[in-house]
Amino acid sequence: MPASTTLSDSELIGIDVNGHMTPFHAIFLRDSCSCAACIDPSTRQKLFQTADIPLELRPRIEQSTDETVRLSWENDVAGFSSDHETVISKAFLADVLALQTKVLREKTEDPQTQLYWDAAQMEKENSSISYHDYQSTAGGVFEIVDRLWRYGLAFLKDVPDEVDSIEKIATRIGPLRNSFYGTTWDVRSIPNSKNIAYTDKFLGLHMDLLYMVNPPRIQILHSLRARAPGGASMFSDSFRAAELLQRSNIAGFRSLATFPVTYHYDNDGQHYRFTRPTVELVGITDVNSLTDSDLAAARIERINWSPPFQGPFSAGFGVHDSAVALKSYLAAAKTFNESLNSEEHMYEYRLKEGEAVVFDNRRVLHARRAFDAQGGERWLRGGYVDEDVWKSQIRVAGKRISDNQS
């Protein structure tokens, strides 16, 4: 059995953060050191291990200002000189405290800046961004990244009529995501298609690749040809529909956040399969442990909804004990689906040649009206970007804003 761990007063040090004296542990403060001896200035990688820190480490405040605290160490990490000091930003410590109370999000990830929209609001708010500005200025990239965070949907205009334009759009955010469709792919009507997207039929609201462990977060579609009658794109904000259910029917919302739905692709020599709830919440893995009031206050992180690629439910959901959960899920799914597909929520836009749409694949559902493939060519080029890449851009943009304001 491991020995029990206790804390002594000498291991804790009080630091004034925003007018409040707060105790921080020596191990945490030492591990947070970002001096050149601890963090390589070029690679920004850590040069010591947390496991190297002595349990008997003791801190001493050498200087404290409104902005920083400077510490020296007794019994420091082996190999560090006796005059090694750590300078820590009090803004960093304030962020740590905020994380502990689940308040902090990166500045550009502030939930107050996310705007859940309906069709009328998107009609009013939507404005296309110049491809030239997007490619040549930091402000253009930030505008797209910011709109993706706020609305989950952004448009580009004046995109060159070139097959590699999709790569240039994507890589301004980050590397393209590869899949069995390739790094980029064409959306055209083809005979005997293995995917309904590659037909001229109506394609209902859905999200892409939910049958994979890590579905792409950002999807990009560039319109190269728009000469076939019909084929308008439709978009719906799933966060808004889910929030409406969260406010009006907490039992239904709980069902969408807990009931496992399986998505699969089993065709053309490929078999992908993954099971996930319809609603994923920020920082919450055990929804059943939440009270109704806590669940009503929870924030939505991702939505999973892709009826064309839904597989059979997991074994057992047809038997009596779990049939109640299945029936509850169906009732909630009906309400959610009606909201998503309502005229109020469905924003319709027919992409012109030389336009591109960029959207959050885990928030904004997309659909397409049927079109007449005999009446002209309809050709889109598509690509994906992963969530980590997009979130990195959000944080970089947020830091740039913070630096410019300081």
Protein backbone atom coordinates (compact mmCIF):
# COMPACT_ATOMS: atom_id res chain seq x y z
CA MET A 1 0.00 0.00 0.00
CA PRO A 2 1.37 3.47 -0.84
CA ALA A 3 2.14 5.74 2.06
CA SER A 4 -0.40 8.48 2.71
CA THR A 5 0.54 11.95 1.50
CA THR A 6 0.23 14.96 3.80
CA LEU A 7 1.07 18.63 3.33
CA SER A 8 3.07 20.85 5.63
CA ASP A 9 2.66 24.61 5.89
CA SER A 10 6.17 25.11 4.54
CA GLU A 11 5.16 23.54 1.22
CA LEU A 12 2.45 26.13 0.62
CA ILE A 13 3.05 29.75 -0.14
CA GLY A 14 0.46 32.51 -0.12
CA ILE A 15 0.39 34.77 -3.19
CA ASP A 16 -1.82 37.81 -3.65
CA VAL A 17 -3.82 37.30 -6.86
CA ASN A 18 -6.36 39.98 -7.72
CA GLY A 19 -6.51 41.10 -4.11
CA HIS A 20 -7.00 37.64 -2.64
CA MET A 21 -4.26 35.78 -0.75
CA THR A 22 -4.25 32.28 -2.21
CA PRO A 23 -2.08 29.31 -1.16
CA PHE A 24 -0.17 27.58 -3.98
CA HIS A 25 1.88 24.43 -3.59
CA ALA A 26 5.63 24.58 -4.14
CA ILE A 27 5.55 21.66 -6.60
CA PHE A 28 3.00 23.43 -8.81
CA LEU A 29 4.94 26.70 -8.77
CA ARG A 30 8.26 25.00 -9.54
CA ASP A 31 6.74 22.91 -12.31
CA SER A 32 5.34 26.12 -13.86
CA CYS A 33 8.76 27.77 -14.24
CA SER A 34 9.26 29.02 -17.80
CA CYS A 35 12.82 30.37 -17.56
CA ALA A 36 15.32 29.47 -20.30
CA ALA A 37 16.81 26.73 -18.12
CA CYS A 38 13.39 25.08 -17.76
CA ILE A 39 11.77 25.75 -21.15
CA ASP A 40 13.91 25.77 -24.28
CA PRO A 41 13.52 29.23 -25.87
CA SER A 42 13.55 27.81 -29.40
CA THR A 43 11.54 24.57 -29.19
CA ARG A 44 9.35 25.75 -26.24
CA GLN A 45 9.69 22.24 -24.83
CA LYS A 46 10.25 21.37 -21.19
CA LEU A 47 13.86 20.64 -20.16
CA PHE A 48 13.11 18.86 -16.89
CA GLN A 49 10.53 16.33 -15.74
CA THR A 50 7.88 16.84 -13.09
CA ALA A 51 9.15 13.58 -11.60
CA ASP A 52 12.54 15.29 -11.05
CA ILE A 53 11.09 17.74 -8.50
CA PRO A 54 12.08 16.79 -4.92
CA LEU A 55 9.19 16.20 -2.53
CA GLU A 56 11.12 18.26 0.04
CA LEU A 57 11.20 21.35 -2.23
CA ARG A 58 10.60 24.62 -0.37
CA PRO A 59 9.83 28.03 -1.94
CA ARG A 60 10.66 31.56 -0.85
CA ILE A 61 9.22 34.77 -2.28
CA GLU A 62 12.00 37.13 -3.33
CA GLN A 63 9.77 39.79 -4.86
CA SER A 64 6.06 40.27 -5.55
CA THR A 65 4.53 42.97 -7.77
CA ASP A 66 1.06 43.48 -9.22
CA GLU A 67 2.13 41.57 -12.34
CA THR A 68 4.56 38.86 -11.20
CA VAL A 69 5.99 36.91 -8.29
CA ARG A 70 9.69 35.95 -8.16
CA LEU A 71 10.61 32.81 -6.22
CA SER A 72 13.81 31.09 -5.14
CA TRP A 73 14.08 27.45 -4.12
CA GLU A 74 15.51 25.38 -1.29
CA ASN A 75 16.37 21.83 -2.40
CA ASP A 76 15.74 22.56 -6.09
CA VAL A 77 15.73 20.06 -8.95
CA ALA A 78 19.10 18.31 -9.31
CA GLY A 79 21.40 20.06 -11.77
CA PHE A 80 19.95 23.54 -11.29
CA SER A 81 22.19 26.21 -9.79
CA SER A 82 21.57 27.64 -6.33
CA ASP A 83 20.71 31.03 -7.83
CA HIS A 84 17.95 29.62 -10.06
CA GLU A 85 14.77 31.69 -9.72
CA THR A 86 11.25 31.37 -11.07
CA VAL A 87 9.18 34.34 -12.24
CA ILE A 88 5.48 33.62 -12.61
CA SER A 89 2.85 35.90 -14.09
CA LYS A 90 -0.07 36.62 -11.77
CA ALA A 91 -2.31 36.62 -14.84
CA PHE A 92 -1.32 32.95 -15.27
CA LEU A 93 -2.16 32.24 -11.62
CA ALA A 94 -5.52 33.99 -12.04
CA ASP A 95 -6.25 31.76 -15.03
CA VAL A 96 -5.36 28.69 -12.95
CA LEU A 97 -7.82 29.74 -10.26
CA ALA A 98 -10.47 30.37 -12.89
CA LEU A 99 -9.94 26.89 -14.32
CA GLN A 100 -10.52 25.42 -10.88
CA THR A 101 -13.92 27.10 -10.80
CA LYS A 102 -14.64 26.15 -14.43
CA VAL A 103 -14.81 29.80 -15.45
CA LEU A 104 -11.86 30.16 -17.81
CA ARG A 105 -12.00 29.71 -21.54
CA GLU A 106 -9.51 31.21 -23.96
CA LYS A 107 -10.46 34.78 -24.79
CA THR A 108 -11.74 33.91 -28.24
CA GLU A 109 -13.46 30.81 -26.86
CA ASP A 110 -15.58 32.82 -24.44
CA PRO A 111 -19.05 31.21 -24.52
CA GLN A 112 -20.57 34.69 -24.45
CA THR A 113 -19.11 35.29 -27.91
CA GLN A 114 -20.79 32.23 -29.42
CA LEU A 115 -23.98 33.22 -31.20
CA TYR A 116 -26.63 30.59 -31.78
CA TRP A 117 -28.55 31.52 -34.91
CA ASP A 118 -31.68 30.87 -36.91
CA ALA A 119 -32.20 31.46 -40.63
CA ALA A 120 -33.23 35.10 -40.25
CA GLN A 121 -30.21 35.90 -38.09
CA MET A 122 -27.79 34.21 -40.49
CA GLU A 123 -29.36 36.03 -43.43
CA LYS A 124 -28.64 39.28 -41.59
CA GLU A 125 -25.20 38.40 -40.21
CA ASN A 126 -23.70 36.54 -43.16
CA SER A 127 -21.12 38.36 -45.22
CA SER A 128 -18.51 36.83 -47.51
CA ILE A 129 -14.82 37.44 -46.91
CA SER A 130 -12.47 38.12 -49.80
CA TYR A 131 -10.23 35.19 -50.72
CA HIS A 132 -7.40 37.67 -51.35
CA ASP A 133 -7.70 39.15 -47.85
CA TYR A 134 -7.93 35.68 -46.35
CA GLN A 135 -4.77 34.52 -48.11
CA SER A 136 -2.68 37.67 -47.72
CA THR A 137 -3.53 39.11 -44.28
CA ALA A 138 -3.57 37.86 -40.69
CA GLY A 139 -6.82 39.77 -40.22
CA GLY A 140 -8.48 37.79 -42.99
CA VAL A 141 -7.57 34.47 -41.38
CA PHE A 142 -8.72 35.71 -37.98
CA GLU A 143 -12.07 36.79 -39.42
CA ILE A 144 -12.74 33.28 -40.73
CA VAL A 145 -11.53 31.60 -37.51
CA ASP A 146 -13.58 34.02 -35.42
CA ARG A 147 -16.74 33.47 -37.47
CA LEU A 148 -16.25 29.71 -37.14
CA TRP A 149 -16.19 30.10 -33.37
CA ARG A 150 -19.10 32.55 -33.22
CA TYR A 151 -21.44 31.07 -35.82
CA GLY A 152 -19.83 27.85 -37.00
CA LEU A 153 -20.27 29.09 -40.57
CA ALA A 154 -18.30 31.41 -42.88
CA PHE A 155 -18.14 32.15 -46.60
CA LEU A 156 -15.34 33.15 -48.97
CA LYS A 157 -15.78 34.91 -52.31
CA ASP A 158 -13.59 35.40 -55.40
CA VAL A 159 -11.87 32.03 -54.93
CA PRO A 160 -9.72 31.17 -57.99
CA ASP A 161 -11.13 28.61 -60.41
CA GLU A 162 -8.36 26.12 -59.66
CA VAL A 163 -8.51 22.59 -58.26
CA ASP A 164 -5.85 23.35 -55.64
CA SER A 165 -7.71 26.36 -54.21
CA ILE A 166 -9.29 24.06 -51.62
CA GLU A 167 -5.82 23.18 -50.30
CA LYS A 168 -4.85 26.84 -50.10
CA ILE A 169 -8.02 27.67 -48.16
CA ALA A 170 -7.52 24.81 -45.71
CA THR A 171 -3.82 25.24 -45.06
CA ARG A 172 -4.27 28.86 -43.98
CA ILE A 173 -5.90 27.28 -40.93
CA GLY A 174 -3.70 24.19 -40.80
CA PRO A 175 -2.89 20.83 -42.40
CA LEU A 176 -5.57 19.00 -44.34
CA ARG A 177 -7.08 15.93 -42.70
CA ASN A 178 -6.59 12.73 -44.68
CA SER A 179 -9.23 10.00 -44.88
CA PHE A 180 -10.19 7.18 -47.22
CA TYR A 181 -11.68 9.93 -49.42
CA GLY A 182 -8.20 11.48 -49.73
CA THR A 183 -6.90 14.81 -48.46
CA THR A 184 -9.27 16.56 -50.87
CA TRP A 185 -12.23 15.16 -52.77
CA ASP A 186 -14.74 16.02 -55.47
CA VAL A 187 -18.49 16.23 -54.93
CA ARG A 188 -20.08 15.34 -58.25
CA SER A 189 -22.94 13.16 -59.39
CA ILE A 190 -21.48 9.84 -60.55
CA PRO A 191 -23.17 6.56 -61.60
CA ASN A 192 -23.42 3.77 -59.00
CA SER A 193 -22.08 6.03 -56.26
CA LYS A 194 -21.01 4.53 -52.92
CA ASN A 195 -22.04 7.74 -51.13
CA ILE A 196 -25.32 9.64 -51.45
CA ALA A 197 -23.33 12.90 -51.62
CA TYR A 198 -22.08 11.80 -55.04
CA THR A 199 -25.57 11.62 -56.53
CA ASP A 200 -28.05 14.27 -57.65
CA LYS A 201 -30.55 13.27 -54.95
CA PHE A 202 -31.73 15.29 -51.97
CA LEU A 203 -29.29 14.91 -49.07
CA GLY A 204 -30.71 15.66 -45.63
CA LEU A 205 -29.02 17.41 -42.73
CA HIS A 206 -25.98 15.55 -41.51
CA MET A 207 -22.40 15.75 -40.26
CA ASP A 208 -19.45 14.02 -41.88
CA LEU A 209 -17.38 11.04 -40.67
CA LEU A 210 -19.12 10.53 -37.31
CA TYR A 211 -18.29 6.85 -37.73
CA MET A 212 -14.64 7.70 -37.02
CA VAL A 213 -13.10 8.01 -33.55
CA ASN A 214 -12.05 11.61 -34.27
CA PRO A 215 -14.35 13.23 -36.85
CA PRO A 216 -12.99 16.36 -38.54
CA ARG A 217 -14.03 19.62 -36.94
CA ILE A 218 -13.87 21.94 -39.95
CA GLN A 219 -15.20 21.22 -43.43
CA ILE A 220 -14.56 23.33 -46.53
CA LEU A 221 -16.46 23.18 -49.83
CA HIS A 222 -15.33 25.19 -52.87
CA SER A 223 -17.80 25.65 -55.72
CA LEU A 224 -16.04 25.23 -59.07
CA ARG A 225 -19.17 24.67 -61.19
CA ALA A 226 -22.76 25.61 -60.33
CA ARG A 227 -24.57 25.18 -63.65
CA ALA A 228 -27.10 22.49 -62.77
CA PRO A 229 -30.60 23.63 -61.81
CA GLY A 230 -31.19 23.15 -58.08
CA GLY A 231 -28.58 21.93 -55.63
CA ALA A 232 -28.86 24.73 -53.06
CA SER A 233 -26.99 24.11 -49.80
CA MET A 234 -28.80 24.25 -46.46
CA PHE A 235 -27.35 24.79 -43.01
CA SER A 236 -28.80 24.51 -39.50
CA ASP A 237 -27.25 25.46 -36.14
CA SER A 238 -27.52 22.33 -34.00
CA PHE A 239 -26.31 24.19 -30.90
CA ARG A 240 -29.39 26.41 -31.07
CA ALA A 241 -31.76 23.46 -31.48
CA ALA A 242 -30.08 21.60 -28.61
CA GLU A 243 -30.16 24.66 -26.35
CA LEU A 244 -33.88 25.11 -27.00
CA LEU A 245 -34.42 21.52 -25.85
CA GLN A 246 -32.13 22.09 -22.87
CA ARG A 247 -34.31 25.02 -21.76
CA SER A 248 -37.69 23.44 -22.46
CA ASN A 249 -37.28 19.69 -21.82
CA ILE A 250 -34.37 18.77 -19.58
CA ALA A 251 -35.34 15.07 -19.57
CA GLY A 252 -35.21 15.02 -23.36
CA PHE A 253 -31.90 16.88 -23.35
CA ARG A 254 -30.50 14.34 -20.86
CA SER A 255 -31.56 11.54 -23.18
CA LEU A 256 -29.69 13.09 -26.13
CA ALA A 257 -26.62 13.56 -23.91
CA THR A 258 -26.58 9.95 -22.67
CA PHE A 259 -28.15 7.60 -25.19
CA PRO A 260 -25.51 5.91 -27.41
CA VAL A 261 -26.07 6.19 -31.16
CA THR A 262 -23.95 4.16 -33.57
CA TYR A 263 -22.71 5.57 -36.88
CA HIS A 264 -21.10 3.41 -39.52
CA TYR A 265 -19.80 3.23 -43.07
CA ASP A 266 -19.81 -0.33 -44.39
CA ASN A 267 -19.31 -0.17 -48.14
CA ASP A 268 -16.78 -0.33 -50.95
CA GLY A 269 -14.21 -2.32 -48.96
CA GLN A 270 -14.38 0.02 -45.94
CA HIS A 271 -15.99 -0.62 -42.54
CA TYR A 272 -15.92 2.19 -39.99
CA ARG A 273 -18.02 2.25 -36.84
CA PHE A 274 -18.25 4.41 -33.73
CA THR A 275 -20.86 5.03 -31.03
CA ARG A 276 -21.44 8.41 -29.36
CA PRO A 277 -24.26 10.42 -27.76
CA THR A 278 -26.02 13.13 -29.74
CA VAL A 279 -24.91 15.90 -27.36
CA GLU A 280 -21.42 16.25 -25.86
CA LEU A 281 -20.92 18.75 -23.02
CA VAL A 282 -17.91 20.84 -22.03
CA GLY A 283 -15.85 19.12 -19.33
CA ILE A 284 -18.50 16.50 -18.50
CA THR A 285 -18.10 12.78 -19.09
CA ASP A 286 -20.69 11.39 -16.64
CA VAL A 287 -23.94 13.16 -17.49
CA ASN A 288 -25.96 10.82 -15.29
CA SER A 289 -24.19 12.20 -12.21
CA LEU A 290 -25.57 15.71 -12.87
CA THR A 291 -28.70 17.09 -11.28
CA ASP A 292 -31.26 18.64 -13.62
CA SER A 293 -30.17 22.13 -12.57
CA ASP A 294 -26.51 21.34 -13.26
CA LEU A 295 -27.40 19.81 -16.61
CA ALA A 296 -29.47 22.88 -17.49
CA ALA A 297 -26.38 25.04 -16.89
CA ALA A 298 -23.96 22.81 -18.84
CA ARG A 299 -22.42 24.10 -22.06
CA ILE A 300 -22.59 22.29 -25.37
CA GLU A 301 -19.23 21.20 -26.81
CA ARG A 302 -20.22 19.12 -29.86
CA ILE A 303 -23.27 17.66 -31.54
CA ASN A 304 -23.36 14.30 -33.33
CA TRP A 305 -26.18 13.96 -35.86
CA SER A 306 -25.89 12.13 -39.16
CA PRO A 307 -29.02 10.09 -40.00
CA PRO A 308 -27.79 8.86 -43.43
CA PHE A 309 -24.85 7.14 -41.73
CA GLN A 310 -26.61 5.84 -38.63
CA GLY A 311 -26.11 2.14 -37.94
CA PRO A 312 -28.16 -0.31 -35.85
CA PHE A 313 -28.40 0.49 -32.16
CA SER A 314 -26.14 -1.44 -29.81
CA ALA A 315 -27.30 -4.90 -28.79
CA GLY A 316 -29.70 -4.87 -25.87
CA PHE A 317 -31.66 -1.74 -26.65
CA GLY A 318 -34.60 -3.75 -27.91
CA VAL A 319 -35.15 -5.62 -24.64
CA HIS A 320 -37.45 -4.42 -21.90
CA ASP A 321 -35.06 -2.78 -19.42
CA SER A 322 -33.38 -0.62 -22.01
CA ALA A 323 -36.42 -0.14 -24.24
CA VAL A 324 -37.52 2.72 -21.99
CA ALA A 325 -34.26 4.53 -22.71
CA LEU A 326 -34.70 3.88 -26.44
CA LYS A 327 -38.25 5.24 -26.41
CA SER A 328 -37.16 8.31 -24.45
CA TYR A 329 -34.36 8.89 -26.94
CA LEU A 330 -36.76 8.62 -29.87
CA ALA A 331 -39.11 11.20 -28.37
CA ALA A 332 -36.23 13.63 -27.80
CA ALA A 333 -34.74 12.92 -31.24
CA LYS A 334 -38.08 13.73 -32.89
CA THR A 335 -38.23 17.11 -31.17
CA PHE A 336 -34.60 17.85 -31.99
CA ASN A 337 -35.02 16.81 -35.63
CA GLU A 338 -38.14 18.94 -36.09
CA SER A 339 -36.31 21.95 -34.71
CA LEU A 340 -33.26 21.39 -36.92
CA ASN A 341 -35.36 21.07 -40.07
CA SER A 342 -37.84 23.83 -39.31
CA GLU A 343 -38.13 26.71 -41.75
CA GLU A 344 -37.11 28.99 -38.88
CA HIS A 345 -33.73 27.28 -38.46
CA MET A 346 -32.81 26.20 -41.99
CA TYR A 347 -30.56 28.71 -43.76
CA GLU A 348 -30.50 28.09 -47.52
CA TYR A 349 -27.79 29.38 -49.83
CA ARG A 350 -26.87 28.35 -53.35
CA LEU A 351 -23.10 28.54 -53.73
CA LYS A 352 -21.99 30.42 -56.82
CA GLU A 353 -18.92 29.52 -58.82
CA GLY A 354 -15.89 30.99 -57.07
CA GLU A 355 -17.43 30.84 -53.60
CA ALA A 356 -16.50 28.56 -50.71
CA VAL A 357 -18.19 27.69 -47.44
CA VAL A 358 -16.24 26.85 -44.28
CA PHE A 359 -18.17 25.36 -41.36
CA ASP A 360 -17.90 23.59 -38.02
CA ASN A 361 -18.71 19.96 -38.76
CA ARG A 362 -19.52 19.28 -35.07
CA ARG A 363 -22.00 22.14 -34.83
CA VAL A 364 -23.50 23.18 -38.17
CA LEU A 365 -25.42 20.53 -40.06
CA HIS A 366 -25.39 20.71 -43.83
CA ALA A 367 -27.79 19.45 -46.48
CA ARG A 368 -28.36 19.78 -50.21
CA ARG A 369 -31.42 20.03 -52.39
CA ALA A 370 -31.73 17.68 -55.34
CA PHE A 371 -30.43 18.98 -58.66
CA ASP A 372 -30.73 18.16 -62.35
CA ALA A 373 -27.40 16.62 -63.34
CA GLN A 374 -28.53 16.59 -66.98
CA GLY A 375 -29.09 20.34 -66.96
CA GLY A 376 -25.50 21.35 -66.27
CA GLU A 377 -22.43 20.62 -64.20
CA ARG A 378 -22.33 20.86 -60.40
CA TRP A 379 -18.83 20.40 -58.97
CA LEU A 380 -17.56 21.08 -55.47
CA ARG A 381 -14.09 20.35 -54.08
CA GLY A 382 -13.93 19.52 -50.40
CA GLY A 383 -11.46 19.10 -47.55
CA TYR A 384 -11.31 18.74 -43.76
CA VAL A 385 -9.27 20.26 -40.93
CA ASP A 386 -9.01 18.63 -37.49
CA GLU A 387 -10.25 20.18 -34.25
CA ASP A 388 -6.80 20.51 -32.67
CA VAL A 389 -5.61 22.54 -35.66
CA TRP A 390 -8.59 24.89 -35.52
CA LYS A 391 -8.35 25.33 -31.74
CA SER A 392 -4.65 26.15 -32.14
CA GLN A 393 -5.58 28.97 -34.52
CA ILE A 394 -8.16 30.26 -32.04
CA ARG A 395 -5.57 30.40 -29.27
CA VAL A 396 -2.94 32.03 -31.49
CA ALA A 397 -5.47 34.62 -32.62
CA GLY A 398 -6.54 35.24 -29.03
CA LYS A 399 -2.94 35.75 -27.93
CA ARG A 400 -2.35 38.14 -30.82
CA ILE A 401 -5.37 40.19 -29.75
CA SER A 402 -4.23 40.18 -26.12
CA ASP A 403 -0.70 41.27 -27.09
CA ASN A 404 -2.05 44.09 -29.26
CA GLN A 405 -4.25 45.33 -26.43
CA SER A 406 -1.49 45.27 -23.81
